[in-house]
C-alpha atoms as a PDB file:
ATOM      1  CA  MET A   1     115.417  97.354  95.307  1.00  0.00           C
ATOM      2  CA  HIS A   2     113.315  94.524  96.167  1.00  0.00           C
ATOM      3  CA  TYR A   3     114.280  90.785  95.284  1.00  0.00           C
ATOM      4  CA  THR A   4     111.659  87.997  95.232  1.00  0.00           C
ATOM      5  CA  GLY A   5     111.974  84.183  95.527  1.00  0.00           C
ATOM      6  CA  HIS A   6     109.369  81.438  95.998  1.00  0.00           C
ATOM      7  CA  TYR A   7     108.976  78.600  98.472  1.00  0.00           C
ATOM      8  CA  LYS A   8     106.395  75.690  98.239  1.00  0.00           C
ATOM      9  CA  SER A   9     104.870  74.675 101.520  1.00  0.00           C
ATOM     10  CA  ALA A  10     102.487  71.946 102.500  1.00  0.00           C
ATOM     11  CA  ILE A  11      99.824  74.474 102.777  1.00  0.00           C
ATOM     12  CA  GLY A  12     100.392  76.690  99.746  1.00  0.00           C
ATOM     13  CA  ASN A  13     102.791  78.460  97.558  1.00  0.00           C
ATOM     14  CA  ILE A  14     104.807  81.388  99.197  1.00  0.00           C
ATOM     15  CA  LEU A  15     106.276  84.559  97.712  1.00  0.00           C
ATOM     16  CA  LEU A  16     109.332  85.806  99.626  1.00  0.00           C
ATOM     17  CA  ALA A  17     110.628  89.576  99.256  1.00  0.00           C
ATOM     18  CA  ALA A  18     113.780  91.025 100.475  1.00  0.00           C
ATOM     19  CA  ASP A  19     115.883  94.239 100.220  1.00  0.00           C
ATOM     20  CA  GLU A  20     119.295  94.943 101.306  1.00  0.00           C
ATOM     21  CA  VAL A  21     118.366  95.104 104.941  1.00  0.00           C
ATOM     22  CA  GLY A  22     116.328  91.907 105.329  1.00  0.00           C
ATOM     23  CA  LEU A  23     113.394  89.897 104.591  1.00  0.00           C
ATOM     24  CA  THR A  24     110.426  92.357 103.858  1.00  0.00           C
ATOM     25  CA  GLY A  25     107.628  90.038 102.792  1.00  0.00           C
ATOM     26  CA  LEU A  26     106.377  86.326 103.168  1.00  0.00           C
ATOM     27  CA  TRP A  27     102.812  85.837 101.630  1.00  0.00           C
ATOM     28  CA  PHE A  28     100.819  82.842 100.678  1.00  0.00           C
ATOM     29  CA  GLU A  29      99.834  83.246  97.057  1.00  0.00           C
ATOM     30  CA  GLY A  30      96.226  84.771  96.851  1.00  0.00           C
ATOM     31  CA  GLN A  31      96.170  85.919 100.359  1.00  0.00           C
ATOM     32  CA  LYS A  32      94.615  89.341 101.479  1.00  0.00           C
ATOM     33  CA  TYR A  33      96.973  92.024 100.892  1.00  0.00           C
ATOM     34  CA  PHE A  34      99.380  89.878  98.787  1.00  0.00           C
ATOM     35  CA  ALA A  35     102.685  91.572  98.008  1.00  0.00           C
ATOM     36  CA  LEU A  36     101.159  94.841  99.281  1.00  0.00           C
ATOM     37  CA  ASN A  37     104.315  96.789  99.884  1.00  0.00           C
ATOM     38  CA  LEU A  38     106.574  95.079  97.216  1.00  0.00           C
ATOM     39  CA  ASP A  39     108.297  97.614  94.986  1.00  0.00           C
ATOM     40  CA  SER A  40     106.670  97.446  91.538  1.00  0.00           C
ATOM     41  CA  GLU A  41     110.279  97.189  90.179  1.00  0.00           C
ATOM     42  CA  HIS A  42     111.626  94.138  91.575  1.00  0.00           C
ATOM     43  CA  GLU A  43     113.913  91.135  90.522  1.00  0.00           C
ATOM     44  CA  GLU A  44     113.847  87.428  91.113  1.00  0.00           C
ATOM     45  CA  ARG A  45     116.816  86.268  92.615  1.00  0.00           C
ATOM     46  CA  GLU A  46     118.187  83.458  94.736  1.00  0.00           C
ATOM     47  CA  LEU A  47     119.673  85.304  97.705  1.00  0.00           C
ATOM     48  CA  PRO A  48     121.670  83.785 100.541  1.00  0.00           C
ATOM     49  CA  LEU A  49     118.896  85.245 102.839  1.00  0.00           C
ATOM     50  CA  PHE A  50     116.314  83.209 100.813  1.00  0.00           C
ATOM     51  CA  MET A  51     118.265  80.075 101.370  1.00  0.00           C
ATOM     52  CA  GLU A  52     118.195  80.775 105.152  1.00  0.00           C
ATOM     53  CA  VAL A  53     114.490  81.495 105.096  1.00  0.00           C
ATOM     54  CA  LYS A  54     113.757  78.375 103.164  1.00  0.00           C
ATOM     55  CA  ARG A  55     115.711  76.400 105.771  1.00  0.00           C
ATOM     56  CA  TRP A  56     113.914  78.121 108.637  1.00  0.00           C
ATOM     57  CA  LEU A  57     110.483  77.293 106.943  1.00  0.00           C
ATOM     58  CA  ASP A  58     111.612  73.680 106.217  1.00  0.00           C
ATOM     59  CA  GLU A  59     112.141  73.278 109.866  1.00  0.00           C
ATOM     60  CA  TYR A  60     109.115  74.835 110.650  1.00  0.00           C
ATOM     61  CA  PHE A  61     106.900  72.723 108.456  1.00  0.00           C
ATOM     62  CA  ALA A  62     108.793  69.706 109.966  1.00  0.00           C
ATOM     63  CA  GLY A  63     107.089  70.582 113.234  1.00  0.00           C
ATOM     64  CA  ARG A  64     110.351  71.930 114.885  1.00  0.00           C
ATOM     65  CA  GLU A  65     110.882  75.067 116.644  1.00  0.00           C
ATOM     66  CA  GLN A  66     113.666  77.164 115.057  1.00  0.00           C
ATOM     67  CA  ASP A  67     116.805  78.095 116.754  1.00  0.00           C
ATOM     68  CA  PHE A  68     118.091  80.866 114.580  1.00  0.00           C
ATOM     69  CA  ALA A  69     116.723  84.181 113.500  1.00  0.00           C
ATOM     70  CA  ILE A  70     116.191  85.751 110.174  1.00  0.00           C
ATOM     71  CA  PRO A  71     117.054  89.337 109.437  1.00  0.00           C
ATOM     72  CA  LEU A  72     113.825  91.262 109.207  1.00  0.00           C
ATOM     73  CA  HIS A  73     112.980  94.730 107.679  1.00  0.00           C
ATOM     74  CA  PHE A  74     109.634  95.963 108.713  1.00  0.00           C
ATOM     75  CA  THR A  75     108.275  98.558 106.124  1.00  0.00           C
ATOM     76  CA  GLY A  76     105.004  99.288 107.758  1.00  0.00           C
ATOM     77  CA  THR A  77     103.802 102.517 109.658  1.00  0.00           C
ATOM     78  CA  GLY A  78     105.378 103.235 113.059  1.00  0.00           C
ATOM     79  CA  PHE A  79     102.303 101.463 114.757  1.00  0.00           C
ATOM     80  CA  GLN A  80     102.286  98.446 112.610  1.00  0.00           C
ATOM     81  CA  ASN A  81     106.056  98.119 113.356  1.00  0.00           C
ATOM     82  CA  GLU A  82     105.604  98.300 116.915  1.00  0.00           C
ATOM     83  CA  VAL A  83     102.761  95.634 116.767  1.00  0.00           C
ATOM     84  CA  TRP A  84     104.836  93.425 114.460  1.00  0.00           C
ATOM     85  CA  GLU A  85     107.748  93.583 116.792  1.00  0.00           C
ATOM     86  CA  ILE A  86     105.391  92.301 119.635  1.00  0.00           C
ATOM     87  CA  LEU A  87     104.074  89.491 117.452  1.00  0.00           C
ATOM     88  CA  CYS A  88     107.679  88.270 117.342  1.00  0.00           C
ATOM     89  CA  ASP A  89     107.599  87.875 120.995  1.00  0.00           C
ATOM     90  CA  ILE A  90     104.813  85.363 121.048  1.00  0.00           C
ATOM     91  CA  PRO A  91     106.374  81.887 121.937  1.00  0.00           C
ATOM     92  CA  TYR A  92     106.196  78.964 119.473  1.00  0.00           C
ATOM     93  CA  GLY A  93     103.169  76.956 120.239  1.00  0.00           C
ATOM     94  CA  SER A  94     101.355  79.852 122.114  1.00  0.00           C
ATOM     95  CA  THR A  95      98.644  82.108 121.516  1.00  0.00           C
ATOM     96  CA  VAL A  96      97.731  85.743 122.748  1.00  0.00           C
ATOM     97  CA  THR A  97      94.805  87.876 122.119  1.00  0.00           C
ATOM     98  CA  TYR A  98      94.515  91.223 120.048  1.00  0.00           C
ATOM     99  CA  GLY A  99      93.445  92.813 123.627  1.00  0.00           C
ATOM    100  CA  GLU A 100      96.496  91.516 125.374  1.00  0.00           C
ATOM    101  CA  ILE A 101      98.706  93.098 122.647  1.00  0.00           C
ATOM    102  CA  ALA A 102      96.627  96.371 123.043  1.00  0.00           C
ATOM    103  CA  ASN A 103      97.268  96.185 126.617  1.00  0.00           C
ATOM    104  CA  ARG A 104     100.931  95.807 126.211  1.00  0.00           C
ATOM    105  CA  ILE A 105     101.107  98.769 123.781  1.00  0.00           C
ATOM    106  CA  ALA A 106      98.928 100.975 126.118  1.00  0.00           C
ATOM    107  CA  SER A 107     101.045 100.057 129.178  1.00  0.00           C
ATOM    108  CA  LYS A 108     104.367 100.836 127.128  1.00  0.00           C
ATOM    109  CA  ARG A 109     102.872 104.307 126.158  1.00  0.00           C
ATOM    110  CA  GLY A 110     101.522 105.004 129.621  1.00  0.00           C
ATOM    111  CA  LEU A 111      97.765 104.931 128.259  1.00  0.00           C
ATOM    112  CA  SER A 112      94.734 103.511 130.170  1.00  0.00           C
ATOM    113  CA  ARG A 113      93.868 101.634 126.989  1.00  0.00           C
ATOM    114  CA  MET A 114      94.393 100.938 123.426  1.00  0.00           C
ATOM    115  CA  SER A 115      92.146  99.640 120.619  1.00  0.00           C
ATOM    116  CA  ALA A 116      92.241  95.889 120.083  1.00  0.00           C
ATOM    117  CA  GLN A 117      90.755  96.667 116.807  1.00  0.00           C
ATOM    118  CA  ALA A 118      93.618  98.942 115.838  1.00  0.00           C
ATOM    119  CA  VAL A 119      96.068  96.069 116.848  1.00  0.00           C
ATOM    120  CA  GLY A 120      93.824  93.819 114.778  1.00  0.00           C
ATOM    121  CA  GLY A 121      94.386  96.051 111.725  1.00  0.00           C
ATOM    122  CA  ALA A 122      98.172  96.208 112.128  1.00  0.00           C
ATOM    123  CA  VAL A 123      98.223  92.342 112.646  1.00  0.00           C
ATOM    124  CA  GLY A 124      96.258  91.868 109.524  1.00  0.00           C
ATOM    125  CA  HIS A 125      98.565  93.792 107.411  1.00  0.00           C
ATOM    126  CA  ASN A 126     101.811  91.881 108.635  1.00  0.00           C
ATOM    127  CA  ASN A 127     103.885  91.322 105.635  1.00  0.00           C
ATOM    128  CA  ILE A 128     106.155  88.622 107.058  1.00  0.00           C
ATOM    129  CA  SER A 129     103.506  85.701 107.762  1.00  0.00           C
ATOM    130  CA  ILE A 130     104.775  82.655 109.879  1.00  0.00           C
ATOM    131  CA  ILE A 131     108.118  84.162 110.668  1.00  0.00           C
ATOM    132  CA  VAL A 132     106.380  87.223 112.255  1.00  0.00           C
ATOM    133  CA  PRO A 133     103.773  84.912 113.895  1.00  0.00           C
ATOM    134  CA  CYS A 134     100.268  86.811 113.214  1.00  0.00           C
ATOM    135  CA  HIS A 135      98.721  83.244 113.216  1.00  0.00           C
ATOM    136  CA  ARG A 136      99.211  83.142 117.059  1.00  0.00           C
ATOM    137  CA  VAL A 137      96.814  86.000 117.727  1.00  0.00           C
ATOM    138  CA  VAL A 138      93.315  84.962 118.426  1.00  0.00           C
ATOM    139  CA  GLY A 139      90.142  86.689 119.503  1.00  0.00           C
ATOM    140  CA  SER A 140      89.160  87.395 123.149  1.00  0.00           C
ATOM    141  CA  ASN A 141      87.313  83.960 123.489  1.00  0.00           C
ATOM    142  CA  GLY A 142      90.116  82.095 121.875  1.00  0.00           C
ATOM    143  CA  SER A 143      88.375  81.978 118.504  1.00  0.00           C
ATOM    144  CA  LEU A 144      90.458  81.867 115.393  1.00  0.00           C
ATOM    145  CA  THR A 145      89.594  85.339 114.049  1.00  0.00           C
ATOM    146  CA  GLY A 146      91.140  87.062 110.946  1.00  0.00           C
ATOM    147  CA  TYR A 147      94.186  85.735 109.188  1.00  0.00           C
ATOM    148  CA  ALA A 148      95.032  87.302 105.848  1.00  0.00           C
ATOM    149  CA  GLY A 149      96.038  83.669 104.601  1.00  0.00           C
ATOM    150  CA  GLY A 150      92.853  82.287 105.469  1.00  0.00           C
ATOM    151  CA  ILE A 151      91.556  80.835 108.464  1.00  0.00           C
ATOM    152  CA  ASP A 152      92.161  77.274 107.292  1.00  0.00           C
ATOM    153  CA  LYS A 153      95.902  78.017 107.076  1.00  0.00           C
ATOM    154  CA  LYS A 154      95.802  79.825 110.536  1.00  0.00           C
ATOM    155  CA  ALA A 155      94.212  76.630 112.021  1.00  0.00           C
ATOM    156  CA  LYS A 156      96.890  74.458 110.137  1.00  0.00           C
ATOM    157  CA  LEU A 157      99.868  76.438 111.471  1.00  0.00           C
ATOM    158  CA  LEU A 158      98.551  76.431 114.910  1.00  0.00           C
ATOM    159  CA  ALA A 159      97.954  72.552 114.736  1.00  0.00           C
ATOM    160  CA  LEU A 160     101.400  72.298 113.401  1.00  0.00           C
ATOM    161  CA  GLU A 161     102.813  74.143 116.533  1.00  0.00           C
ATOM    162  CA  LYS A 162     100.470  71.727 118.700  1.00  0.00           C
ATOM    163  CA  SER A 163      99.009  74.858 120.266  1.00  0.00           C
ATOM    164  CA  GLY A 164      96.012  73.756 122.501  1.00  0.00           C
ATOM    165  CA  LYS A 165      96.157  70.269 120.888  1.00  0.00           C
ATOM    166  CA  GLY A 166      93.297  71.519 118.361  1.00  0.00           C
ATOM    167  CA  ARG A 167      91.596  73.763 120.581  1.00  0.00           C
ATOM    168  CA  HIS A 168      92.803  77.372 120.183  1.00  0.00           C
ATOM    169  CA  TYR A 169      92.585  79.116 123.560  1.00  0.00           C
ATOM    170  CA  VAL A 170      95.035  81.566 125.134  1.00  0.00           C
ATOM    171  CA  CYS A 171      97.823  79.409 126.314  1.00  0.00           C
ATOM    172  CA  ALA A 172      98.864  79.747 130.081  1.00  0.00           C
ATOM    173  CA  ASP A 173     102.549  79.180 129.687  1.00  0.00           C
ATOM    174  CA  ARG A 174     103.457  82.810 128.477  1.00  0.00           C
ATOM    175  CA  GLU A 175     105.000  83.333 132.097  1.00  0.00           C
ATOM    176  CA  HIS A 176     108.233  82.384 130.389  1.00  0.00           C
ATOM    177  CA  LYS A 177     108.029  85.320 127.899  1.00  0.00           C
ATOM    178  CA  PRO A 178     107.965  88.835 129.427  1.00  0.00           C
ATOM    179  CA  GLY A 179     105.014  91.226 128.201  1.00  0.00           C
ATOM    180  CA  PHE A 180     102.235  88.902 128.151  1.00  0.00           C
ATOM    181  CA  SER A 181      99.787  88.276 130.989  1.00  0.00           C
ATOM    182  CA  ASN A 182      97.724  85.289 131.673  1.00  0.00           C
ATOM    183  CA  ASN A 183      94.370  87.128 131.521  1.00  0.00           C
END
């Protein structure tokens, strides 16, 4: 059973979804793939989890990095879940490319390469926007490509995190987080 709740952010209204395991969805109203994996039978309810998510979002939109985790329940394919877990490793205020994520998966699987386009498809279908920071993934030249919530929201989220001080290129400070190179 899915439960839903709502959050009003400075950049748009947000629908929250959860099940007994954790948060399953966080979508901007009207975004591409809005509520894609939400059970057709769901109940609006103010869960303790939603109170924590709202506190997390309040801190985020106040421009502060969060120091607590939200229980998540990924409900995508095995490949999507793998990509979404990698998204969770992207540090606040940093960006990575689709190619970097593809290289990380290829390395993990012992492959010579992985399709950045396949990674892009999985990133685009991320059900838990902001908390699973798909907005931190940029094109190989640092361009703001693809965001289900809209490029304008992606730019605002990155600006909020002061990523690149308005210029969105791959940050060089990822040596503090394992798994990403500075290529």
